[in-house]
Amino acid sequence: MSAALATGIVAAHFAGPWGFGWWFLLIPLFWIALFAILFAIFGRRWRRAAAENGYGPYGRNPARQAETTLAERFAKGDIDETEYRARLEVLRANAAQ
């Protein structure tokens, strides 16, 4: 009888009159924190990988890509220096708009 009474007192002390007590909030808080940490770690990696591959708002800039293509054409000898500088000036003027 005394063991049952002691168990009941301990259960009432930790659980309170409503059942589980306040600590039942720890389980949802644990899962929320776990998902937040996973999203913080892997979300950054996914965004970084997407930006490196040209996707998303931080991906490749079209103006920058055009300048790179123009520089490659100049390096290959397809266009001369005056044409390169003229086209580069036009690209940069249009990119500012």
N, C-alpha and C. Protein backbone atom coordinates (compact mmCIF):
# COMPACT_ATOMS: atom_id res chain seq x y z
N MET A 1 0.82 -1.19 0.00
CA MET A 1 0.00 0.00 0.00
C MET A 1 0.86 1.25 0.00
N SER A 2 1.93 1.23 0.77
CA SER A 2 2.78 2.42 0.84
C SER A 2 3.52 2.64 -0.49
N ALA A 3 3.86 1.57 -1.20
CA ALA A 3 4.53 1.73 -2.50
C ALA A 3 3.57 2.36 -3.50
N ALA A 4 2.33 1.96 -3.49
CA ALA A 4 1.35 2.54 -4.40
C ALA A 4 1.09 4.00 -4.05
N LEU A 5 1.06 4.31 -2.79
CA LEU A 5 0.85 5.68 -2.35
C LEU A 5 2.04 6.55 -2.75
N ALA A 6 3.26 6.03 -2.57
CA ALA A 6 4.46 6.78 -2.95
C ALA A 6 4.50 6.99 -4.46
N THR A 7 4.13 5.98 -5.22
CA THR A 7 4.10 6.12 -6.68
C THR A 7 3.07 7.16 -7.10
N GLY A 8 1.95 7.16 -6.48
CA GLY A 8 0.90 8.13 -6.77
C GLY A 8 1.33 9.54 -6.44
N ILE A 9 2.03 9.72 -5.34
CA ILE A 9 2.50 11.05 -4.96
C ILE A 9 3.54 11.55 -5.96
N VAL A 10 4.47 10.66 -6.31
CA VAL A 10 5.50 11.06 -7.28
C VAL A 10 4.87 11.37 -8.63
N ALA A 11 3.93 10.56 -9.07
CA ALA A 11 3.27 10.79 -10.36
C ALA A 11 2.49 12.10 -10.34
N ALA A 12 1.82 12.39 -9.25
CA ALA A 12 1.06 13.63 -9.14
C ALA A 12 1.99 14.83 -9.10
N HIS A 13 3.15 14.65 -8.48
CA HIS A 13 4.10 15.76 -8.39
C HIS A 13 4.67 16.10 -9.77
N PHE A 14 5.09 15.11 -10.56
CA PHE A 14 5.69 15.37 -11.86
C PHE A 14 4.65 15.61 -12.94
N ALA A 15 3.53 14.92 -12.87
CA ALA A 15 2.54 15.02 -13.93
C ALA A 15 1.52 16.10 -13.66
N GLY A 16 1.27 16.42 -12.45
CA GLY A 16 0.25 17.40 -12.14
C GLY A 16 -1.13 16.79 -12.25
N PRO A 17 -2.14 17.55 -11.95
CA PRO A 17 -3.50 17.01 -11.98
C PRO A 17 -4.04 16.79 -13.39
N TRP A 18 -3.37 17.34 -14.44
CA TRP A 18 -3.89 17.22 -15.80
C TRP A 18 -3.28 16.09 -16.58
N GLY A 19 -2.37 15.34 -16.03
CA GLY A 19 -1.80 14.22 -16.76
C GLY A 19 -0.30 14.35 -16.89
N PHE A 20 0.16 14.72 -18.09
CA PHE A 20 1.59 14.71 -18.37
C PHE A 20 2.36 15.88 -17.76
N GLY A 21 1.74 16.96 -17.49
CA GLY A 21 2.45 18.11 -16.97
C GLY A 21 2.98 18.99 -18.09
N TRP A 22 3.79 19.97 -17.76
CA TRP A 22 4.28 20.94 -18.74
C TRP A 22 5.30 20.33 -19.69
N TRP A 23 5.95 19.27 -19.30
CA TRP A 23 7.04 18.74 -20.12
C TRP A 23 6.56 18.06 -21.39
N PHE A 24 5.25 17.89 -21.55
CA PHE A 24 4.77 17.31 -22.82
C PHE A 24 5.03 18.27 -23.98
N LEU A 25 5.30 19.53 -23.70
CA LEU A 25 5.64 20.49 -24.75
C LEU A 25 7.05 20.25 -25.31
N LEU A 26 7.87 19.53 -24.57
CA LEU A 26 9.23 19.30 -25.02
C LEU A 26 9.29 18.45 -26.29
N ILE A 27 8.37 17.54 -26.46
CA ILE A 27 8.38 16.68 -27.64
C ILE A 27 8.13 17.49 -28.92
N PRO A 28 7.08 18.31 -28.99
CA PRO A 28 6.92 19.13 -30.21
C PRO A 28 8.05 20.14 -30.38
N LEU A 29 8.52 20.71 -29.28
CA LEU A 29 9.62 21.66 -29.39
C LEU A 29 10.89 20.99 -29.91
N PHE A 30 11.12 19.75 -29.49
CA PHE A 30 12.27 19.01 -29.99
C PHE A 30 12.18 18.84 -31.50
N TRP A 31 11.01 18.42 -32.01
CA TRP A 31 10.87 18.19 -33.45
C TRP A 31 10.94 19.50 -34.24
N ILE A 32 10.37 20.56 -33.70
CA ILE A 32 10.46 21.86 -34.37
C ILE A 32 11.92 22.30 -34.45
N ALA A 33 12.64 22.16 -33.35
CA ALA A 33 14.06 22.54 -33.35
C ALA A 33 14.87 21.66 -34.29
N LEU A 34 14.57 20.38 -34.33
CA LEU A 34 15.29 19.47 -35.22
C LEU A 34 15.09 19.86 -36.69
N PHE A 35 13.84 20.12 -37.07
CA PHE A 35 13.57 20.50 -38.46
C PHE A 35 14.18 21.86 -38.78
N ALA A 36 14.18 22.78 -37.84
CA ALA A 36 14.78 24.09 -38.07
C ALA A 36 16.29 23.96 -38.29
N ILE A 37 16.94 23.12 -37.51
CA ILE A 37 18.38 22.92 -37.66
C ILE A 37 18.68 22.24 -38.99
N LEU A 38 17.90 21.22 -39.34
CA LEU A 38 18.12 20.54 -40.62
C LEU A 38 17.90 21.48 -41.80
N PHE A 39 16.87 22.31 -41.71
CA PHE A 39 16.61 23.26 -42.80
C PHE A 39 17.72 24.29 -42.88
N ALA A 40 18.23 24.74 -41.74
CA ALA A 40 19.31 25.72 -41.75
C ALA A 40 20.57 25.14 -42.38
N ILE A 41 20.85 23.89 -42.11
CA ILE A 41 22.06 23.27 -42.65
C ILE A 41 21.89 22.94 -44.13
N PHE A 42 20.85 22.16 -44.45
CA PHE A 42 20.70 21.68 -45.82
C PHE A 42 20.08 22.72 -46.75
N GLY A 43 19.27 23.61 -46.21
CA GLY A 43 18.69 24.67 -47.05
C GLY A 43 19.75 25.56 -47.64
N ARG A 44 20.77 25.89 -46.85
CA ARG A 44 21.86 26.71 -47.36
C ARG A 44 22.62 25.98 -48.44
N ARG A 45 22.85 24.70 -48.23
CA ARG A 45 23.58 23.92 -49.25
C ARG A 45 22.79 23.84 -50.54
N TRP A 46 21.47 23.63 -50.45
CA TRP A 46 20.65 23.55 -51.66
C TRP A 46 20.62 24.90 -52.37
N ARG A 47 20.49 25.99 -51.62
CA ARG A 47 20.47 27.31 -52.25
C ARG A 47 21.81 27.63 -52.89
N ARG A 48 22.90 27.27 -52.22
CA ARG A 48 24.22 27.53 -52.77
C ARG A 48 24.44 26.71 -54.04
N ALA A 49 24.03 25.45 -54.01
CA ALA A 49 24.19 24.60 -55.19
C ALA A 49 23.32 25.11 -56.34
N ALA A 50 22.13 25.56 -56.03
CA ALA A 50 21.25 26.09 -57.07
C ALA A 50 21.83 27.36 -57.67
N ALA A 51 22.40 28.23 -56.83
CA ALA A 51 22.98 29.46 -57.34
C ALA A 51 24.21 29.18 -58.21
N GLU A 52 24.98 28.18 -57.83
CA GLU A 52 26.15 27.84 -58.63
C GLU A 52 25.76 27.27 -59.98
N ASN A 53 24.61 26.62 -60.06
CA ASN A 53 24.15 26.04 -61.32
C ASN A 53 23.27 26.99 -62.11
N GLY A 54 23.07 28.20 -61.60
CA GLY A 54 22.34 29.20 -62.36
C GLY A 54 20.86 29.27 -62.07
N TYR A 55 20.39 28.65 -61.01
CA TYR A 55 18.97 28.68 -60.67
C TYR A 55 18.74 29.62 -59.50
N GLY A 56 17.52 30.12 -59.40
CA GLY A 56 17.16 30.94 -58.26
C GLY A 56 17.57 32.40 -58.42
N PRO A 57 17.21 33.22 -57.43
CA PRO A 57 17.49 34.65 -57.54
C PRO A 57 18.97 35.00 -57.45
N TYR A 58 19.77 34.11 -56.90
CA TYR A 58 21.20 34.37 -56.77
C TYR A 58 22.01 33.62 -57.82
N GLY A 59 21.35 33.18 -58.84
CA GLY A 59 22.03 32.43 -59.90
C GLY A 59 22.84 33.34 -60.79
N ARG A 60 23.20 32.84 -61.93
CA ARG A 60 24.02 33.60 -62.86
C ARG A 60 23.28 34.82 -63.36
N ASN A 61 23.99 35.89 -63.42
CA ASN A 61 23.44 37.14 -63.91
C ASN A 61 23.52 37.14 -65.44
N PRO A 62 22.43 37.39 -66.14
CA PRO A 62 22.47 37.36 -67.62
C PRO A 62 23.46 38.37 -68.20
N ALA A 63 23.57 39.54 -67.58
CA ALA A 63 24.52 40.53 -68.08
C ALA A 63 25.94 40.03 -67.91
N ARG A 64 26.21 39.39 -66.80
CA ARG A 64 27.55 38.86 -66.55
C ARG A 64 27.85 37.72 -67.52
N GLN A 65 26.86 36.93 -67.82
CA GLN A 65 27.03 35.83 -68.76
C GLN A 65 27.32 36.37 -70.17
N ALA A 66 26.65 37.45 -70.53
CA ALA A 66 26.88 38.05 -71.85
C ALA A 66 28.29 38.62 -71.94
N GLU A 67 28.76 39.24 -70.85
CA GLU A 67 30.13 39.76 -70.85
C GLU A 67 31.15 38.63 -70.97
N THR A 68 30.87 37.51 -70.32
CA THR A 68 31.76 36.36 -70.40
C THR A 68 31.81 35.81 -71.82
N THR A 69 30.66 35.71 -72.46
CA THR A 69 30.60 35.23 -73.84
C THR A 69 31.35 36.18 -74.77
N LEU A 70 31.18 37.46 -74.55
CA LEU A 70 31.88 38.46 -75.37
C LEU A 70 33.39 38.36 -75.17
N ALA A 71 33.81 38.17 -73.93
CA ALA A 71 35.24 38.03 -73.65
C ALA A 71 35.81 36.77 -74.30
N GLU A 72 35.02 35.71 -74.31
CA GLU A 72 35.47 34.47 -74.96
C GLU A 72 35.63 34.66 -76.47
N ARG A 73 34.69 35.37 -77.07
CA ARG A 73 34.77 35.63 -78.51
C ARG A 73 35.99 36.49 -78.83
N PHE A 74 36.27 37.46 -77.96
CA PHE A 74 37.45 38.30 -78.16
C PHE A 74 38.73 37.48 -78.01
N ALA A 75 38.74 36.57 -77.03
CA ALA A 75 39.92 35.73 -76.81
C ALA A 75 40.15 34.78 -77.97
N LYS A 76 39.08 34.30 -78.58
CA LYS A 76 39.22 33.39 -79.73
C LYS A 76 39.65 34.12 -80.99
N GLY A 77 39.46 35.44 -81.02
CA GLY A 77 39.82 36.21 -82.21
C GLY A 77 38.66 36.41 -83.15
N ASP A 78 37.45 36.11 -82.71
CA ASP A 78 36.27 36.32 -83.57
C ASP A 78 35.99 37.80 -83.80
N ILE A 79 36.29 38.61 -82.80
CA ILE A 79 36.07 40.06 -82.91
C ILE A 79 37.36 40.77 -82.52
N ASP A 80 37.51 42.01 -83.04
CA ASP A 80 38.71 42.77 -82.69
C ASP A 80 38.45 43.62 -81.44
N GLU A 81 39.49 44.35 -81.01
CA GLU A 81 39.40 45.09 -79.75
C GLU A 81 38.38 46.21 -79.79
N THR A 82 38.30 46.93 -80.90
CA THR A 82 37.34 48.04 -80.98
C THR A 82 35.90 47.53 -80.91
N GLU A 83 35.64 46.44 -81.61
CA GLU A 83 34.29 45.86 -81.56
C GLU A 83 33.98 45.31 -80.17
N TYR A 84 34.99 44.70 -79.54
CA TYR A 84 34.82 44.18 -78.17
C TYR A 84 34.47 45.30 -77.21
N ARG A 85 35.23 46.38 -77.26
CA ARG A 85 34.98 47.49 -76.33
C ARG A 85 33.63 48.16 -76.61
N ALA A 86 33.26 48.28 -77.87
CA ALA A 86 31.98 48.89 -78.21
C ALA A 86 30.82 48.03 -77.69
N ARG A 87 30.91 46.75 -77.93
CA ARG A 87 29.83 45.85 -77.46
C ARG A 87 29.78 45.76 -75.94
N LEU A 88 30.95 45.77 -75.31
CA LEU A 88 31.01 45.74 -73.85
C LEU A 88 30.37 46.99 -73.25
N GLU A 89 30.61 48.12 -73.89
CA GLU A 89 30.00 49.38 -73.43
C GLU A 89 28.47 49.32 -73.55
N VAL A 90 27.98 48.75 -74.64
CA VAL A 90 26.54 48.62 -74.84
C VAL A 90 25.95 47.66 -73.80
N LEU A 91 26.63 46.54 -73.55
CA LEU A 91 26.14 45.60 -72.54
C LEU A 91 26.05 46.22 -71.16
N ARG A 92 27.09 46.95 -70.78
CA ARG A 92 27.09 47.56 -69.45
C ARG A 92 26.08 48.69 -69.34
N ALA A 93 25.85 49.41 -70.42
CA ALA A 93 24.85 50.47 -70.40
C ALA A 93 23.45 49.88 -70.26
N ASN A 94 23.19 48.77 -70.94
CA ASN A 94 21.86 48.13 -70.85
C ASN A 94 21.67 47.39 -69.54
N ALA A 95 22.73 46.90 -68.94
CA ALA A 95 22.63 46.19 -67.66
C ALA A 95 22.28 47.14 -66.53
N ALA A 96 22.69 48.40 -66.63
CA ALA A 96 22.41 49.39 -65.58
C ALA A 96 20.95 49.77 -65.54
N GLN A 97 20.22 49.54 -66.63
CA GLN A 97 18.81 49.94 -66.69
C GLN A 97 17.94 49.03 -65.99
